């Protein structure tokens, strides 16, 4: 049996960058500007500060519980089996929904270059291929993750350095677009921006695959957050400065801005770079999500132990298969906008449960802050997302209670 290679702090840092910087800032920049105008910059900063506090919340728990699983492990050990099961399944669903969402985003961007692209078929092929690669070795995905991270950072630097010279101060004088309610628009932008940082909760999931997680994970999470908030603020500020009120009228604002420097060839260059960026997130999700389901099985919490059984490459086969099948179903049934909203809702459930765990362990300020900022998200969700999200929670609770009652009857 091959010995599993542990991830260095550098690899974890790059994994974090790749798990966060994806489709959001590139495909939804127009939406948050339309919602809040130049105040969308403040929304990014506010959301980033809130999520940094939430990262502290995860960091506190990772010092106490360094095993795989993230929020599931924290809640299970703090509040017991039932809450642990709910959060564990929510975490796995979050990873699966995120995988489907990012594949949808990747193909949405590619359609700018290939309008007649068969999105459904290509998407299914991409998800299956990633599953096959992951089956033979998760370390292959880790290496690909490092490569895409370097390309992503290089692309961001080139975009900023090239376009900053076109920034016009007058484009920052339009505080809020005329058709937008300032308060409601800011909250809508705030909620959307949480999707930009969706991957932060996945870093603790693979704690046991890291070198000295209790020491390294908290430091890495804070560095990742500081890097991503800075990058988002700079990219969005440059895009606003170049495009101004025309920003909401383009699908990929960064591509439109870059084309003003190099001409029409700028659009395919940026779109390909964005696709590589999104691919990095997809790789990270494929790497992380099966581990979540395997962790549930290893904890013997209502998921059969066979789900966690590794193949000779140290990959949980059934957990990987269920993840790939779930991602395909979601990809074929949901739109990018709806799925992105659903990922934020599932993240909200994770955040508030981790905050409560912090409070239970006497990290009161961090715990209370995490819960308060998480609750603010409720005001940013559409009714469709709220109904669908809470329906999933009720369904998971029903399944748990049904199985538990069935086990009681069988014992009698």
Protein backbone atom coordinates (compact mmCIF):
# COMPACT_ATOMS: atom_id res chain seq x y z
CA UNK A 1 0.00 0.00 0.00
CA UNK A 2 1.31 3.43 -0.92
CA UNK A 3 2.11 5.83 1.92
CA UNK A 4 -0.03 8.93 1.67
CA UNK A 5 2.04 12.07 1.16
CA UNK A 6 1.17 14.93 3.49
CA UNK A 7 0.48 18.40 2.11
CA UNK A 8 3.00 21.10 3.00
CA UNK A 9 1.83 24.55 4.24
CA UNK A 10 2.70 25.93 0.79
CA UNK A 11 0.51 23.33 -0.93
CA UNK A 12 -2.32 23.99 1.52
CA UNK A 13 -2.01 27.74 0.85
CA UNK A 14 -2.21 27.18 -2.92
CA UNK A 15 -5.08 24.74 -2.37
CA UNK A 16 -6.89 27.48 -0.44
CA UNK A 17 -6.30 30.07 -3.18
CA UNK A 18 -7.62 27.65 -5.77
CA UNK A 19 -10.62 26.66 -3.68
CA UNK A 20 -11.74 30.30 -3.35
CA UNK A 21 -10.78 32.31 -6.44
CA UNK A 22 -13.02 30.89 -9.14
CA UNK A 23 -16.06 31.95 -11.09
CA UNK A 24 -17.57 34.44 -8.63
CA UNK A 25 -15.44 37.55 -9.09
CA UNK A 26 -15.34 37.06 -12.86
CA UNK A 27 -18.94 36.08 -13.71
CA UNK A 28 -20.86 37.87 -10.93
CA UNK A 29 -18.94 41.16 -10.78
CA UNK A 30 -21.61 42.83 -12.92
CA UNK A 31 -24.37 41.62 -10.62
CA UNK A 32 -22.86 43.00 -7.42
CA UNK A 33 -22.12 46.31 -9.16
CA UNK A 34 -25.70 46.48 -10.40
CA UNK A 35 -26.89 45.80 -6.83
CA UNK A 36 -24.66 48.24 -4.97
CA UNK A 37 -22.71 50.40 -7.43
CA UNK A 38 -19.27 51.39 -6.14
CA UNK A 39 -20.46 50.36 -2.68
CA UNK A 40 -19.89 46.82 -3.97
CA UNK A 41 -16.24 47.45 -3.06
CA UNK A 42 -17.32 48.08 0.52
CA UNK A 43 -19.47 44.94 0.36
CA UNK A 44 -16.40 42.91 -0.65
CA UNK A 45 -14.41 44.37 2.24
CA UNK A 46 -17.24 43.80 4.74
CA UNK A 47 -17.85 40.24 3.55
CA UNK A 48 -14.10 39.58 3.62
CA UNK A 49 -13.83 40.80 7.23
CA UNK A 50 -16.85 38.71 8.24
CA UNK A 51 -15.38 35.64 6.60
CA UNK A 52 -11.99 36.28 8.20
CA UNK A 53 -13.74 36.12 11.57
CA UNK A 54 -15.43 32.91 10.42
CA UNK A 55 -11.98 31.61 9.41
CA UNK A 56 -10.85 32.32 12.99
CA UNK A 57 -13.84 30.25 14.10
CA UNK A 58 -12.65 27.29 12.03
CA UNK A 59 -9.08 27.86 13.21
CA UNK A 60 -10.11 27.64 16.86
CA UNK A 61 -11.85 24.35 16.27
CA UNK A 62 -9.01 22.90 14.17
CA UNK A 63 -6.67 23.35 17.15
CA UNK A 64 -9.00 21.15 19.22
CA UNK A 65 -10.05 18.65 16.54
CA UNK A 66 -7.37 18.05 13.91
CA UNK A 67 -8.99 15.09 12.15
CA UNK A 68 -10.67 15.18 8.72
CA UNK A 69 -14.21 16.51 8.43
CA UNK A 70 -14.21 20.22 9.26
CA UNK A 71 -17.51 21.56 10.62
CA UNK A 72 -18.97 18.04 10.88
CA UNK A 73 -16.25 16.98 13.33
CA UNK A 74 -16.60 20.16 15.39
CA UNK A 75 -20.38 19.89 15.72
CA UNK A 76 -20.44 16.12 16.33
CA UNK A 77 -17.90 16.31 19.14
CA UNK A 78 -19.51 19.40 20.63
CA UNK A 79 -23.25 18.75 20.32
CA UNK A 80 -23.61 15.07 19.56
CA UNK A 81 -24.58 12.58 16.89
CA UNK A 82 -27.73 14.11 15.38
CA UNK A 83 -26.39 17.66 14.78
CA UNK A 84 -23.13 16.11 13.59
CA UNK A 85 -24.96 14.00 11.03
CA UNK A 86 -26.92 16.99 9.70
CA UNK A 87 -23.83 19.20 9.36
CA UNK A 88 -21.82 16.34 7.87
CA UNK A 89 -24.37 15.72 5.15
CA UNK A 90 -24.79 19.47 4.56
CA UNK A 91 -21.02 19.76 4.12
CA UNK A 92 -20.98 16.94 1.57
CA UNK A 93 -24.00 18.42 -0.26
CA UNK A 94 -22.23 21.80 -0.27
CA UNK A 95 -19.18 20.27 -1.93
CA UNK A 96 -21.30 18.43 -4.48
CA UNK A 97 -23.43 21.49 -5.31
CA UNK A 98 -20.28 23.62 -5.57
CA UNK A 99 -18.71 21.14 -7.98
CA UNK A 100 -21.81 21.26 -10.21
CA UNK A 101 -21.93 25.07 -9.96
CA UNK A 102 -18.31 25.57 -10.99
CA UNK A 103 -18.60 23.18 -13.94
CA UNK A 104 -21.65 25.19 -15.05
CA UNK A 105 -19.64 28.41 -14.66
CA UNK A 106 -16.72 26.99 -16.64
CA UNK A 107 -18.94 26.14 -19.59
CA UNK A 108 -20.82 29.45 -19.33
CA UNK A 109 -17.51 31.26 -19.80
CA UNK A 110 -16.47 28.96 -22.64
CA UNK A 111 -19.69 29.73 -24.50
CA UNK A 112 -18.31 33.22 -25.11
CA UNK A 113 -15.73 31.57 -27.36
CA UNK A 114 -17.79 28.61 -28.60
CA UNK A 115 -21.45 29.73 -28.76
CA UNK A 116 -22.69 26.34 -30.04
CA UNK A 117 -20.95 24.36 -27.29
CA UNK A 118 -23.00 21.37 -26.10
CA UNK A 119 -22.91 22.41 -22.45
CA UNK A 120 -24.74 19.44 -20.90
CA UNK A 121 -22.72 16.72 -22.62
CA UNK A 122 -19.35 18.42 -22.13
CA UNK A 123 -20.15 19.11 -18.48
CA UNK A 124 -20.93 15.48 -17.76
CA UNK A 125 -17.73 14.40 -19.53
CA UNK A 126 -15.64 16.85 -17.45
CA UNK A 127 -17.12 15.62 -14.16
CA UNK A 128 -16.59 11.96 -15.11
CA UNK A 129 -12.99 12.57 -16.22
CA UNK A 130 -12.20 14.33 -12.95
CA UNK A 131 -13.65 11.38 -11.07
CA UNK A 132 -11.47 8.96 -13.03
CA UNK A 133 -8.31 10.99 -12.36
CA UNK A 134 -9.18 11.28 -8.68
CA UNK A 135 -9.78 7.52 -8.46
CA UNK A 136 -6.21 6.74 -9.46
CA UNK A 137 -4.62 9.33 -7.18
CA UNK A 138 -5.78 12.40 -5.32
CA UNK A 139 -2.13 13.52 -5.37
CA UNK A 140 -2.45 14.03 -9.14
CA UNK A 141 -5.22 16.55 -8.45
CA UNK A 142 -3.04 18.22 -5.83
CA UNK A 143 -0.26 18.69 -8.42
CA UNK A 144 -2.73 20.04 -10.97
CA UNK A 145 -4.07 22.33 -8.25
CA UNK A 146 -0.61 23.82 -7.69
CA UNK A 147 -0.15 24.42 -11.42
CA UNK A 148 -3.53 26.12 -11.86
CA UNK A 149 -2.87 28.23 -8.75
CA UNK A 150 0.35 29.59 -10.23
CA UNK A 151 -1.36 30.31 -13.58
CA UNK A 152 -4.26 31.96 -11.76
CA UNK A 153 -2.01 34.28 -9.75
CA UNK A 154 -0.03 35.14 -12.90
CA UNK A 155 -3.23 35.99 -14.78
CA UNK A 156 -4.43 38.25 -11.94
CA UNK A 157 -1.12 40.13 -11.86
CA UNK A 158 -1.10 40.62 -15.65
CA UNK A 159 -4.72 41.84 -15.64
CA UNK A 160 -4.13 44.35 -12.84
CA UNK A 161 -0.84 45.71 -14.18
CA UNK A 162 -2.25 46.02 -17.72
CA UNK A 163 -5.61 47.59 -16.89
CA UNK A 164 -4.79 49.86 -13.97
CA UNK A 165 -3.62 52.52 -16.45
CA UNK A 166 -7.13 52.76 -17.88
CA UNK A 167 -8.82 53.43 -14.55
CA UNK A 168 -10.81 56.68 -14.58
CA UNK A 169 -11.68 58.40 -11.31
CA UNK A 170 -15.01 59.59 -12.70
CA UNK A 171 -16.24 55.99 -12.80
CA UNK A 172 -16.21 55.92 -9.00
CA UNK A 173 -18.56 58.88 -8.64
CA UNK A 174 -21.68 56.82 -9.44
CA UNK A 175 -22.38 55.72 -5.87
CA UNK A 176 -25.49 53.59 -6.47
CA UNK A 177 -27.13 52.86 -9.79
CA UNK A 178 -30.45 54.75 -10.17
CA UNK A 179 -32.62 51.61 -10.30
CA UNK A 180 -31.14 50.12 -7.11
CA UNK A 181 -32.35 50.45 -3.52
CA UNK A 182 -29.19 51.19 -1.55
CA UNK A 183 -29.91 49.10 1.55
CA UNK A 184 -31.42 46.10 -0.23
CA UNK A 185 -28.83 46.28 -2.99
CA UNK A 186 -25.94 46.24 -0.52
CA UNK A 187 -27.35 43.18 1.28
CA UNK A 188 -27.90 41.41 -2.04
CA UNK A 189 -24.30 42.15 -3.06
CA UNK A 190 -23.06 41.07 0.38
CA UNK A 191 -24.79 37.69 0.05
CA UNK A 192 -23.52 37.15 -3.48
CA UNK A 193 -19.94 37.92 -2.41
CA UNK A 194 -20.08 35.09 0.15
CA UNK A 195 -20.15 32.78 -2.87
CA UNK A 196 -16.77 34.25 -3.89
CA UNK A 197 -15.28 32.83 -0.67
CA UNK A 198 -17.19 29.56 -0.66
CA UNK A 199 -14.07 27.35 -0.56
CA UNK A 200 -12.76 28.56 2.82
CA UNK A 201 -14.82 25.97 4.72
CA UNK A 202 -13.25 23.10 2.75
CA UNK A 203 -9.69 23.62 3.97
CA UNK A 204 -10.24 21.90 7.36
CA UNK A 205 -11.91 18.93 5.63
CA UNK A 206 -8.54 17.38 4.78
CA UNK A 207 -6.81 18.24 8.06
CA UNK A 208 -5.22 14.80 8.44
CA UNK A 209 -3.63 15.14 5.00
CA UNK A 210 -1.68 18.22 6.14
CA UNK A 211 1.60 18.54 7.98
CA UNK A 212 0.92 19.47 11.64
CA UNK A 213 -2.66 20.76 11.02
CA UNK A 214 -3.16 22.16 14.54
CA UNK A 215 -0.23 24.53 13.98
CA UNK A 216 -0.32 25.17 10.22
CA UNK A 217 -4.03 25.25 9.33
CA UNK A 218 -5.00 28.40 11.31
CA UNK A 219 -2.06 30.37 9.88
CA UNK A 220 -2.72 29.20 6.34
CA UNK A 221 -6.44 30.05 6.51
CA UNK A 222 -5.71 33.62 7.58
CA UNK A 223 -3.09 34.06 4.85
CA UNK A 224 -5.50 32.69 2.27
CA UNK A 225 -8.27 35.08 3.38
CA UNK A 226 -5.95 38.11 3.37
CA UNK A 227 -4.73 37.22 -0.12
CA UNK A 228 -8.19 36.63 -1.58
CA UNK A 229 -9.79 39.75 -0.09
CA UNK A 230 -6.94 41.88 -1.45
CA UNK A 231 -7.16 40.30 -4.90
CA UNK A 232 -10.95 40.71 -5.08
CA UNK A 233 -10.81 44.36 -4.03
CA UNK A 234 -8.11 45.20 -6.58
CA UNK A 235 -9.74 43.29 -9.46
CA UNK A 236 -13.16 44.81 -8.81
CA UNK A 237 -11.77 48.32 -8.33
CA UNK A 238 -9.84 48.10 -11.61
CA UNK A 239 -12.89 46.72 -13.43
CA UNK A 240 -15.12 49.53 -12.11
CA UNK A 241 -12.47 52.12 -12.96
CA UNK A 242 -12.22 50.88 -16.55
CA UNK A 243 -15.85 50.04 -17.39
CA UNK A 244 -17.89 52.22 -15.01
CA UNK A 245 -21.65 51.90 -15.49
CA UNK A 246 -21.11 49.60 -18.48
CA UNK A 247 -19.89 46.87 -16.12
CA UNK A 248 -23.28 45.11 -15.69
CA UNK A 249 -23.74 44.90 -19.47
CA UNK A 250 -20.99 42.33 -20.02
CA UNK A 251 -20.93 38.65 -19.02
CA UNK A 252 -17.21 38.66 -18.17
CA UNK A 253 -16.27 42.26 -17.21
CA UNK A 254 -12.56 41.43 -16.82
CA UNK A 255 -12.42 40.26 -20.43
CA UNK A 256 -14.09 43.44 -21.66
CA UNK A 257 -11.70 45.58 -19.64
CA UNK A 258 -8.63 43.70 -20.89
CA UNK A 259 -9.78 44.00 -24.50
CA UNK A 260 -9.43 47.78 -24.20
CA UNK A 261 -5.68 47.21 -23.83
CA UNK A 262 -4.90 44.56 -26.45
CA UNK A 263 -7.98 44.69 -28.67
CA UNK A 264 -10.41 41.87 -29.45
CA UNK A 265 -7.76 39.19 -28.79
CA UNK A 266 -8.01 40.20 -25.11
CA UNK A 267 -11.40 38.54 -24.72
CA UNK A 268 -10.28 34.96 -25.56
CA UNK A 269 -7.07 35.43 -23.53
CA UNK A 270 -8.99 36.43 -20.41
CA UNK A 271 -11.76 33.88 -20.93
CA UNK A 272 -9.20 31.05 -21.17
CA UNK A 273 -7.44 32.37 -18.06
CA UNK A 274 -10.74 32.53 -16.20
CA UNK A 275 -11.54 28.98 -17.28
CA UNK A 276 -8.20 27.84 -15.83
CA UNK A 277 -9.08 29.69 -12.63
CA UNK A 278 -12.47 27.95 -12.44
CA UNK A 279 -10.85 24.61 -13.27
CA UNK A 280 -8.63 25.06 -10.22
CA UNK A 281 -11.71 25.31 -8.00
CA UNK A 282 -13.25 22.26 -9.70
CA UNK A 283 -10.06 20.27 -9.05
CA UNK A 284 -10.05 21.30 -5.39
CA UNK A 285 -13.72 20.32 -4.95
CA UNK A 286 -13.09 16.94 -6.57
CA UNK A 287 -10.16 16.52 -4.17
CA UNK A 288 -12.10 17.52 -1.02
CA UNK A 289 -15.73 16.44 -1.36
CA UNK A 290 -15.36 12.62 -1.27
CA UNK A 291 -13.27 13.00 1.89
CA UNK A 292 -16.27 14.57 3.63
CA UNK A 293 -18.51 11.57 2.99
CA UNK A 294 -15.69 9.19 3.92
CA UNK A 295 -15.23 11.06 7.21
CA UNK A 296 -18.92 10.58 8.01
CA UNK A 297 -18.57 6.84 7.46
CA UNK A 298 -15.36 6.61 9.50
CA UNK A 299 -17.19 8.24 12.40
CA UNK A 300 -19.90 5.52 12.13
CA UNK A 301 -22.61 8.16 11.94
CA UNK A 302 -25.39 6.57 9.87
CA UNK A 303 -23.24 6.22 6.76
CA UNK A 304 -22.02 2.65 6.01
CA UNK A 305 -18.32 2.12 6.69
CA UNK A 306 -17.85 0.71 3.19
CA UNK A 307 -18.25 4.26 1.85
CA UNK A 308 -14.91 5.14 3.46
CA UNK A 309 -13.01 2.10 2.14
CA UNK A 310 -9.94 3.24 0.20
CA UNK A 311 -8.60 1.71 -2.98
CA UNK A 312 -4.88 0.98 -3.35
CA UNK A 313 -4.30 4.65 -4.18
CA UNK A 314 -5.77 5.74 -0.79
CA UNK A 315 -8.92 7.17 -2.41
CA UNK A 316 -12.40 6.39 -0.90
CA UNK A 317 -13.97 4.78 -3.96
CA UNK A 318 -17.67 4.76 -3.09
CA UNK A 319 -17.53 8.25 -1.62
CA UNK A 320 -15.99 9.43 -4.89
CA UNK A 321 -18.63 7.64 -6.97
CA UNK A 322 -21.53 9.13 -4.96
CA UNK A 323 -19.98 12.59 -5.26
CA UNK A 324 -19.57 12.33 -9.03
CA UNK A 325 -23.12 11.01 -9.52
CA UNK A 326 -24.57 13.73 -7.29
CA UNK A 327 -22.64 16.44 -9.11
CA UNK A 328 -23.85 15.19 -12.49
CA UNK A 329 -27.49 15.18 -11.35
CA UNK A 330 -27.23 18.69 -9.93
CA UNK A 331 -25.36 19.97 -12.99
CA UNK A 332 -28.08 18.68 -15.30
CA UNK A 333 -30.94 20.06 -13.20
CA UNK A 334 -29.82 23.47 -11.90
CA UNK A 335 -28.83 26.85 -13.31
CA UNK A 336 -25.60 28.63 -12.38
CA UNK A 337 -27.34 31.46 -10.49
CA UNK A 338 -29.60 29.13 -8.48
CA UNK A 339 -26.80 26.69 -7.62
CA UNK A 340 -24.51 29.54 -6.53
CA UNK A 341 -27.23 30.76 -4.16
CA UNK A 342 -27.72 27.25 -2.81
CA UNK A 343 -24.00 26.91 -2.07
CA UNK A 344 -24.14 30.10 0.03
CA UNK A 345 -27.12 28.73 1.98
CA UNK A 346 -25.29 25.48 2.75
CA UNK A 347 -22.25 27.51 3.75
CA UNK A 348 -24.48 29.56 6.07
CA UNK A 349 -25.54 26.36 7.89
CA UNK A 350 -21.88 25.39 8.31
CA UNK A 351 -20.81 28.82 9.51
CA UNK A 352 -23.49 29.20 12.17
CA UNK A 353 -22.92 25.66 13.49
CA UNK A 354 -19.17 26.30 13.75
CA UNK A 355 -19.88 29.58 15.53
CA UNK A 356 -22.07 27.78 18.07
CA UNK A 357 -19.28 25.23 18.58
CA UNK A 358 -16.90 28.09 19.35
CA UNK A 359 -19.30 29.47 21.94
CA UNK A 360 -19.61 26.05 23.57
CA UNK A 361 -15.82 25.87 23.84
CA UNK A 362 -15.66 29.36 25.42
CA UNK A 363 -14.44 31.21 22.29
CA UNK A 364 -17.31 33.61 22.93
CA UNK A 365 -16.36 36.69 20.90
CA UNK A 366 -15.43 34.73 17.79
CA UNK A 367 -18.44 32.44 18.17
CA UNK A 368 -20.97 35.24 18.66
CA UNK A 369 -19.48 37.25 15.81
CA UNK A 370 -19.62 34.25 13.48
CA UNK A 371 -23.28 33.59 14.32
CA UNK A 372 -24.33 37.23 13.94
CA UNK A 373 -22.61 37.70 10.59
CA UNK A 374 -24.00 34.37 9.39
CA UNK A 375 -27.55 35.38 10.31
CA UNK A 376 -27.19 38.54 8.21
CA UNK A 377 -26.99 36.22 5.20
CA UNK A 378 -30.62 35.17 5.72
CA UNK A 379 -31.73 38.61 4.52
CA UNK A 380 -29.84 38.19 1.25
CA UNK A 381 -31.42 34.89 0.14
CA UNK A 382 -34.33 34.69 -2.28
CA UNK A 383 -37.46 32.91 -1.08
CA UNK A 384 -36.73 30.09 -3.55
CA UNK A 385 -33.33 29.46 -1.97
CA UNK A 386 -34.74 29.59 1.56
CA UNK A 387 -37.51 27.10 0.79
CA UNK A 388 -35.21 24.72 -1.07
CA UNK A 389 -32.43 24.98 1.53
CA UNK A 390 -34.62 24.42 4.58
CA UNK A 391 -36.41 21.58 2.76
CA UNK A 392 -33.06 19.79 2.46
CA UNK A 393 -32.44 20.25 6.20
CA UNK A 394 -35.89 18.90 7.09
CA UNK A 395 -35.40 15.95 4.74
CA UNK A 396 -32.05 15.07 6.33
CA UNK A 397 -33.62 15.28 9.79
CA UNK A 398 -36.51 13.03 8.68
CA UNK A 399 -34.13 10.41 7.25
CA UNK A 400 -32.07 10.38 10.44
CA UNK A 401 -35.09 10.03 12.72
CA UNK A 402 -36.68 7.40 10.47
CA UNK A 403 -33.54 5.26 10.45
CA UNK A 404 -33.10 5.67 14.20
CA UNK A 405 -36.71 4.61 14.87
CA UNK A 406 -36.33 1.65 12.50
CA UNK A 407 -33.22 0.52 14.38
CA UNK A 408 -35.12 0.69 17.68
CA UNK A 409 -37.92 -1.50 16.32
CA UNK A 410 -35.46 -4.05 14.94
CA UNK A 411 -33.72 -4.30 18.31
CA UNK A 412 -37.07 -5.01 20.00
